[in-house]
Protein backbone atom coordinates (compact mmCIF):
# COMPACT_ATOMS: atom_id res chain seq x y z
CA UNK A 1 33.23 -1.94 2.71
CA UNK A 2 33.06 -5.74 2.98
CA UNK A 3 34.24 -7.90 0.10
CA UNK A 4 33.82 -11.54 -0.89
CA UNK A 5 36.92 -12.59 1.09
CA UNK A 6 35.38 -11.14 4.27
CA UNK A 7 32.20 -13.13 3.64
CA UNK A 8 34.18 -16.34 3.09
CA UNK A 9 36.19 -15.82 6.28
CA UNK A 10 33.13 -15.13 8.44
CA UNK A 11 31.19 -18.06 6.95
CA UNK A 12 34.16 -20.41 7.33
CA UNK A 13 34.22 -21.38 3.65
CA UNK A 14 36.34 -20.66 0.59
CA UNK A 15 35.88 -17.69 -1.75
CA UNK A 16 34.98 -20.19 -4.47
CA UNK A 17 32.15 -21.57 -2.34
CA UNK A 18 30.76 -18.07 -1.73
CA UNK A 19 30.86 -17.44 -5.48
CA UNK A 20 29.02 -20.71 -6.16
CA UNK A 21 26.34 -19.79 -3.62
CA UNK A 22 25.84 -16.33 -5.14
CA UNK A 23 25.65 -17.71 -8.67
CA UNK A 24 23.64 -20.80 -7.71
CA UNK A 25 26.21 -23.08 -9.36
CA UNK A 26 26.77 -26.72 -8.40
CA UNK A 27 25.67 -28.57 -5.29
CA UNK A 28 25.71 -26.56 -2.07
CA UNK A 29 24.44 -27.95 1.23
CA UNK A 30 21.66 -26.10 3.04
CA UNK A 31 23.98 -25.43 5.99
CA UNK A 32 26.53 -23.78 3.70
CA UNK A 33 23.84 -21.64 2.05
CA UNK A 34 22.65 -20.45 5.43
CA UNK A 35 26.18 -19.74 6.67
CA UNK A 36 27.06 -17.71 3.59
CA UNK A 37 23.85 -15.65 3.58
CA UNK A 38 24.11 -15.07 7.32
CA UNK A 39 27.61 -13.68 6.76
CA UNK A 40 26.35 -11.54 3.87
CA UNK A 41 23.64 -10.06 6.12
CA UNK A 42 26.03 -9.41 9.01
CA UNK A 43 28.57 -7.69 6.78
CA UNK A 44 25.96 -5.93 4.63
CA UNK A 45 27.85 -7.24 1.63
CA UNK A 46 26.62 -6.13 -1.82
CA UNK A 47 27.74 -8.52 -4.61
CA UNK A 48 29.11 -7.05 -7.83
CA UNK A 49 26.06 -7.48 -10.06
CA UNK A 50 27.94 -6.78 -13.29
CA UNK A 51 30.52 -9.45 -12.53
CA UNK A 52 27.83 -11.95 -11.56
CA UNK A 53 25.94 -11.29 -14.78
CA UNK A 54 29.07 -11.74 -16.88
CA UNK A 55 29.71 -15.04 -15.12
CA UNK A 56 26.17 -16.19 -15.81
CA UNK A 57 26.21 -14.73 -19.35
CA UNK A 58 22.93 -13.01 -18.51
CA UNK A 59 22.06 -9.41 -17.67
CA UNK A 60 18.66 -10.16 -16.09
CA UNK A 61 17.20 -7.19 -17.96
CA UNK A 62 14.25 -7.40 -20.34
CA UNK A 63 13.20 -4.64 -22.73
CA UNK A 64 9.53 -3.78 -23.23
CA UNK A 65 8.98 -1.53 -26.24
CA UNK A 66 5.56 0.16 -26.40
CA UNK A 67 4.05 3.10 -28.30
CA UNK A 68 2.87 5.03 -25.22
CA UNK A 69 2.97 3.73 -21.65
CA UNK A 70 0.56 6.46 -20.50
CA UNK A 71 -2.23 4.85 -22.55
CA UNK A 72 -4.52 2.94 -20.12
CA UNK A 73 -4.04 -0.43 -21.82
CA UNK A 74 -0.26 -0.15 -22.05
CA UNK A 75 -0.03 1.16 -18.50
CA UNK A 76 -1.92 -1.85 -17.18
CA UNK A 77 -0.14 -4.56 -19.15
CA UNK A 78 3.23 -2.95 -18.35
CA UNK A 79 2.42 -3.16 -14.65
CA UNK A 80 1.69 -6.88 -14.87
CA UNK A 81 4.73 -7.60 -17.06
CA UNK A 82 7.02 -5.84 -14.57
CA UNK A 83 5.51 -7.78 -11.64
CA UNK A 84 5.90 -11.11 -13.40
CA UNK A 85 9.50 -10.37 -14.43
CA UNK A 86 10.40 -9.28 -10.90
CA UNK A 87 9.22 -12.62 -9.53
CA UNK A 88 11.78 -14.24 -11.83
CA UNK A 89 14.52 -11.81 -10.70
CA UNK A 90 14.45 -9.80 -13.94
CA UNK A 91 14.35 -6.02 -14.24
CA UNK A 92 12.48 -4.07 -16.91
CA UNK A 93 13.72 -1.53 -19.45
CA UNK A 94 10.62 0.42 -20.56
CA UNK A 95 10.89 2.15 -23.94
CA UNK A 96 8.24 4.49 -25.39
CA UNK A 97 8.49 4.96 -29.16
CA UNK A 98 5.62 7.36 -29.80
CA UNK A 99 4.89 5.24 -32.90
CA UNK A 100 8.00 6.52 -34.67
CA UNK A 101 10.40 4.30 -36.64
CA UNK A 102 13.56 6.19 -35.73
CA UNK A 103 12.88 6.03 -32.01
CA UNK A 104 12.08 2.31 -32.13
CA UNK A 105 15.25 1.68 -34.15
CA UNK A 106 17.32 3.66 -31.61
CA UNK A 107 15.86 1.67 -28.72
CA UNK A 108 16.52 -1.66 -30.41
CA UNK A 109 20.12 -0.61 -31.11
CA UNK A 110 20.49 0.39 -27.46
CA UNK A 111 19.06 -2.95 -26.30
CA UNK A 112 21.56 -4.88 -28.42
CA UNK A 113 24.48 -2.83 -27.08
CA UNK A 114 23.39 -3.05 -23.44
CA UNK A 115 23.05 -6.83 -23.25
CA UNK A 116 19.37 -7.29 -22.49
CA UNK A 117 18.36 -10.95 -22.36
CA UNK A 118 15.22 -10.51 -24.44
CA UNK A 119 12.63 -8.14 -25.86
CA UNK A 120 8.84 -7.91 -25.57
CA UNK A 121 7.59 -5.99 -28.61
CA UNK A 122 4.43 -3.96 -28.20
CA UNK A 123 5.11 -1.73 -31.18
CA UNK A 124 6.36 -2.79 -34.58
CA UNK A 125 7.28 0.03 -36.95
CA UNK A 126 10.33 -1.53 -38.58
CA UNK A 127 10.92 -3.99 -41.40
CA UNK A 128 10.81 -7.69 -40.56
CA UNK A 129 14.53 -8.08 -41.30
CA UNK A 130 15.48 -5.58 -38.59
CA UNK A 131 13.90 -7.79 -35.93
CA UNK A 132 15.31 -10.99 -37.42
CA UNK A 133 18.85 -9.56 -37.32
CA UNK A 134 18.69 -8.87 -33.59
CA UNK A 135 19.85 -12.34 -32.51
CA UNK A 136 17.89 -11.96 -29.27
CA UNK A 137 14.89 -13.87 -27.88
CA UNK A 138 11.79 -11.88 -28.86
CA UNK A 139 8.08 -12.25 -28.25
CA UNK A 140 5.50 -9.95 -29.84
CA UNK A 141 2.18 -8.71 -28.51
CA UNK A 142 -0.78 -8.46 -30.87
CA UNK A 143 1.32 -8.15 -34.02
CA UNK A 144 2.84 -10.70 -36.40
CA UNK A 145 6.44 -9.60 -36.80
CA UNK A 146 8.08 -12.69 -38.35
CA UNK A 147 7.44 -16.44 -38.54
CA UNK A 148 10.06 -17.29 -35.93
CA UNK A 149 8.73 -14.72 -33.42
CA UNK A 150 5.69 -15.94 -31.43
CA UNK A 151 2.76 -13.55 -31.10
CA UNK A 152 0.50 -13.45 -28.04
CA UNK A 153 -3.01 -12.01 -28.33
CA UNK A 154 -6.63 -12.32 -27.23
CA UNK A 155 -9.41 -13.98 -29.20
CA UNK A 156 -10.43 -10.79 -31.02
CA UNK A 157 -12.92 -12.62 -33.26
CA UNK A 158 -14.85 -13.57 -30.14
CA UNK A 159 -14.51 -10.04 -28.75
CA UNK A 160 -15.87 -8.43 -31.91
CA UNK A 161 -18.81 -10.84 -31.99
CA UNK A 162 -19.68 -10.19 -28.34
CA UNK A 163 -19.71 -6.43 -28.98
CA UNK A 164 -21.78 -6.77 -32.16
CA UNK A 165 -24.40 -8.97 -30.52
CA UNK A 166 -24.77 -6.47 -27.68
CA UNK A 167 -25.33 -3.61 -30.17
CA UNK A 168 -27.84 -5.69 -32.17
CA UNK A 169 -29.78 -6.55 -29.00
CA UNK A 170 -30.03 -2.84 -28.25
CA UNK A 171 -31.74 -2.17 -31.61
CA UNK A 172 -29.20 0.44 -32.75
CA UNK A 173 -29.67 1.97 -36.21
CA UNK A 174 -26.38 3.72 -37.07
CA UNK A 175 -23.18 2.54 -35.40
CA UNK A 176 -19.66 3.93 -35.63
CA UNK A 177 -16.96 1.26 -35.57
CA UNK A 178 -13.90 3.29 -34.56
CA UNK A 179 -10.53 1.59 -35.01
CA UNK A 180 -6.97 2.73 -34.44
CA UNK A 181 -5.61 -0.39 -36.16
CA UNK A 182 -5.00 -0.26 -39.91
CA UNK A 183 -2.83 -3.31 -40.64
CA UNK A 184 -3.72 -6.95 -41.22
CA UNK A 185 -0.54 -7.93 -39.36
CA UNK A 186 -2.29 -7.10 -36.10
CA UNK A 187 -4.83 -9.73 -34.98
CA UNK A 188 -6.66 -6.97 -33.09
CA UNK A 189 -8.08 -5.68 -36.37
CA UNK A 190 -10.26 -8.81 -36.41
CA UNK A 191 -12.48 -7.48 -33.64
CA UNK A 192 -13.49 -4.54 -35.85
CA UNK A 193 -13.82 -6.71 -38.95
CA UNK A 194 -16.08 -9.24 -37.19
CA UNK A 195 -18.05 -6.44 -35.52
CA UNK A 196 -18.70 -4.67 -38.83
CA UNK A 197 -19.54 -7.86 -40.76
CA UNK A 198 -21.95 -9.07 -38.07
CA UNK A 199 -23.83 -5.77 -37.92
CA UNK A 200 -24.16 -5.53 -41.70
CA UNK A 201 -25.39 -9.13 -41.94
CA UNK A 202 -28.12 -8.19 -39.48
CA UNK A 203 -29.18 -5.07 -41.38
CA UNK A 204 -27.58 -2.55 -39.02
CA UNK A 205 -25.82 0.43 -40.60
CA UNK A 206 -22.15 0.33 -39.57
CA UNK A 207 -19.69 3.09 -40.45
CA UNK A 208 -16.03 2.05 -40.21
CA UNK A 209 -13.92 4.98 -39.04
CA UNK A 210 -10.12 5.14 -38.65
CA UNK A 211 -9.05 7.09 -35.57
CA UNK A 212 -6.08 9.45 -35.79
CA UNK A 213 -3.55 7.89 -33.42
CA UNK A 214 -0.84 10.46 -34.18
CA UNK A 215 -2.45 13.05 -31.94
CA UNK A 216 -1.83 13.35 -28.22
CA UNK A 217 -4.27 11.66 -25.86
CA UNK A 218 -5.44 15.03 -24.56
CA UNK A 219 -6.59 15.88 -28.11
CA UNK A 220 -8.96 12.90 -28.28
CA UNK A 221 -11.90 14.95 -27.00
CA UNK A 222 -11.57 17.50 -29.80
CA UNK A 223 -11.50 14.75 -32.43
CA UNK A 224 -14.52 13.08 -30.83
CA UNK A 225 -16.54 16.30 -31.00
CA UNK A 226 -15.81 16.50 -34.73
CA UNK A 227 -17.00 12.91 -35.04
CA UNK A 228 -20.36 13.72 -33.43
CA UNK A 229 -20.75 16.72 -35.75
CA UNK A 230 -19.87 14.64 -38.82
CA UNK A 231 -22.28 11.80 -37.99
CA UNK A 232 -25.35 13.33 -36.30
CA UNK A 233 -27.37 10.17 -37.07
CA UNK A 234 -25.01 8.03 -34.97
CA UNK A 235 -26.73 6.32 -32.04
CA UNK A 236 -23.97 3.91 -30.95
CA UNK A 237 -20.20 3.41 -31.01
CA UNK A 238 -17.71 0.58 -30.60
CA UNK A 239 -14.04 1.24 -29.88
CA UNK A 240 -11.29 0.89 -27.27
CA UNK A 241 -12.04 2.08 -23.73
CA UNK A 242 -10.20 5.40 -23.98
CA UNK A 243 -12.02 6.45 -27.14
CA UNK A 244 -15.40 5.37 -25.72
CA UNK A 245 -14.76 7.36 -22.55
CA UNK A 246 -14.34 10.47 -24.71
CA UNK A 247 -17.50 9.59 -26.65
CA UNK A 248 -19.50 9.35 -23.42
CA UNK A 249 -18.18 12.73 -22.32
CA UNK A 250 -19.14 14.34 -25.65
CA UNK A 251 -22.59 12.74 -25.60
CA UNK A 252 -23.18 14.04 -22.08
CA UNK A 253 -22.04 17.55 -22.99
CA UNK A 254 -24.53 17.53 -25.87
CA UNK A 255 -27.37 16.61 -23.54
CA UNK A 256 -27.81 13.12 -24.98
CA UNK A 257 -29.43 10.58 -22.69
CA UNK A 258 -27.33 7.44 -22.22
CA UNK A 259 -28.27 4.75 -23.14
CA UNK A 260 -31.62 5.94 -24.57
CA UNK A 261 -30.14 8.21 -27.26
CA UNK A 262 -26.56 6.98 -27.40
CA UNK A 263 -25.13 3.55 -26.66
CA UNK A 264 -21.51 2.45 -26.47
CA UNK A 265 -19.38 -0.67 -26.08
CA UNK A 266 -15.73 -0.37 -25.13
CA UNK A 267 -12.91 -2.83 -25.66
CA UNK A 268 -10.01 -3.81 -23.36
CA UNK A 269 -11.42 -3.68 -19.83
CA UNK A 270 -8.89 -1.19 -18.47
CA UNK A 271 -9.30 0.82 -15.29
CA UNK A 272 -11.04 3.72 -17.06
CA UNK A 273 -13.75 1.34 -18.30
CA UNK A 274 -14.32 0.14 -14.75
CA UNK A 275 -14.58 3.61 -13.20
CA UNK A 276 -16.35 5.50 -16.02
CA UNK A 277 -19.66 7.27 -15.43
CA UNK A 278 -22.08 6.11 -16.57
CA UNK A 279 -20.55 2.67 -16.11
CA UNK A 280 -19.29 1.36 -19.43
CA UNK A 281 -20.35 -1.81 -21.19
CA UNK A 282 -17.10 -3.29 -22.48
CA UNK A 283 -15.39 -6.37 -23.84
CA UNK A 284 -12.71 -7.41 -21.37
CA UNK A 285 -9.34 -8.75 -22.48
CA UNK A 286 -7.44 -10.99 -20.00
CA UNK A 287 -4.73 -8.36 -19.52
CA UNK A 288 -2.91 -10.04 -16.63
CA UNK A 289 -2.92 -13.40 -18.42
CA UNK A 290 -1.57 -11.73 -21.57
CA UNK A 291 1.28 -10.22 -19.55
CA UNK A 292 2.05 -13.50 -17.79
CA UNK A 293 2.06 -15.42 -21.07
CA UNK A 294 4.37 -12.89 -22.74
CA UNK A 295 6.86 -13.26 -19.90
CA UNK A 296 6.56 -17.06 -19.68
CA UNK A 297 7.18 -17.53 -23.40
CA UNK A 298 10.09 -15.08 -23.46
CA UNK A 299 11.81 -16.72 -20.48
CA UNK A 300 11.47 -20.12 -22.12
CA UNK A 301 13.08 -18.72 -25.26
CA UNK A 302 15.88 -17.20 -23.19
CA UNK A 303 16.49 -20.64 -21.70
CA UNK A 304 16.81 -22.22 -25.13
CA UNK A 305 13.28 -23.30 -26.07
CA UNK A 306 12.44 -23.10 -29.78
CA UNK A 307 9.00 -21.49 -29.66
CA UNK A 308 7.41 -20.08 -32.80
CA UNK A 309 3.68 -20.74 -32.48
CA UNK A 310 1.22 -17.95 -31.74
CA UNK A 311 -0.82 -18.19 -28.53
CA UNK A 312 -4.44 -17.01 -28.48
CA UNK A 313 -6.07 -16.41 -25.09
CA UNK A 314 -9.76 -17.28 -25.21
CA UNK A 315 -10.87 -15.69 -21.95
CA UNK A 316 -12.58 -12.67 -23.53
CA UNK A 317 -15.95 -11.65 -22.08
CA UNK A 318 -18.61 -8.94 -22.17
CA UNK A 319 -19.09 -6.88 -19.02
CA UNK A 320 -22.46 -5.12 -18.90
CA UNK A 321 -22.66 -1.52 -17.77
CA UNK A 322 -25.05 1.40 -18.18
CA UNK A 323 -24.05 2.40 -21.71
CA UNK A 324 -26.27 -0.34 -23.18
CA UNK A 325 -29.68 -1.57 -22.09
């Protein structure tokens, strides 16, 4: 197996020069770069990544901590985060907590011990002090963790208003506003607050319902059937895409005509919203832009920038489908 001395000999340079090329340190002429990398290719030399990372004082690993990466929204944003990180030569540690404190605490302990360069938080079950004591660059998604940790999120006020106006235009009488968010620390609760307030101001009955997020995704359909039984007067629903997809399935199984007898507006704009039948009306979040911004802010923090301000992405829009008229 070739080593760094073999590369230096073939390239006609010193071992120190090869090391500087590999670690991108100091001035190196283009000819030297080409000679070294040509020698690396010819010898099929694999640099010692651990040693290089120790030299750089970076691991080039980022941790993404989420509640459930099988959920359509988390699956999509994870994909974009991984792609963006890879372009910057970073690898991703993906951690699923299942919305449990102990598991999140274990993952954070593991991240500290395994020298990740930073953390993207998509779940936040622990006390503020536990994040502050990490001494790592952190950026949070859709949740205010601590003052010094920037939070990235969509304009949920705008999203809630877009959904409410669509329901009002459709002359709905009794609407279920189904939320899985129960804390004011998450800006995403604002979409449901604005939605509910707007409907009530316009004389539309709006029932605010808290969805049980502790159940498995495959149990959503059973819970949705109970919801239809509990609120037979319901003629419309607003919620995230996955919940709305289950509502459309239940409505169809009950012989309800969509959108004549039952209307629905989803939220997120994930793949299931785009391929649902009938086609879903939904509020689209800029998922790729959210992922890119999370990565951009975290990398700036890793490189020493003092960033604390939240960033709100305004590009939220309504996409019309067949679940409203």
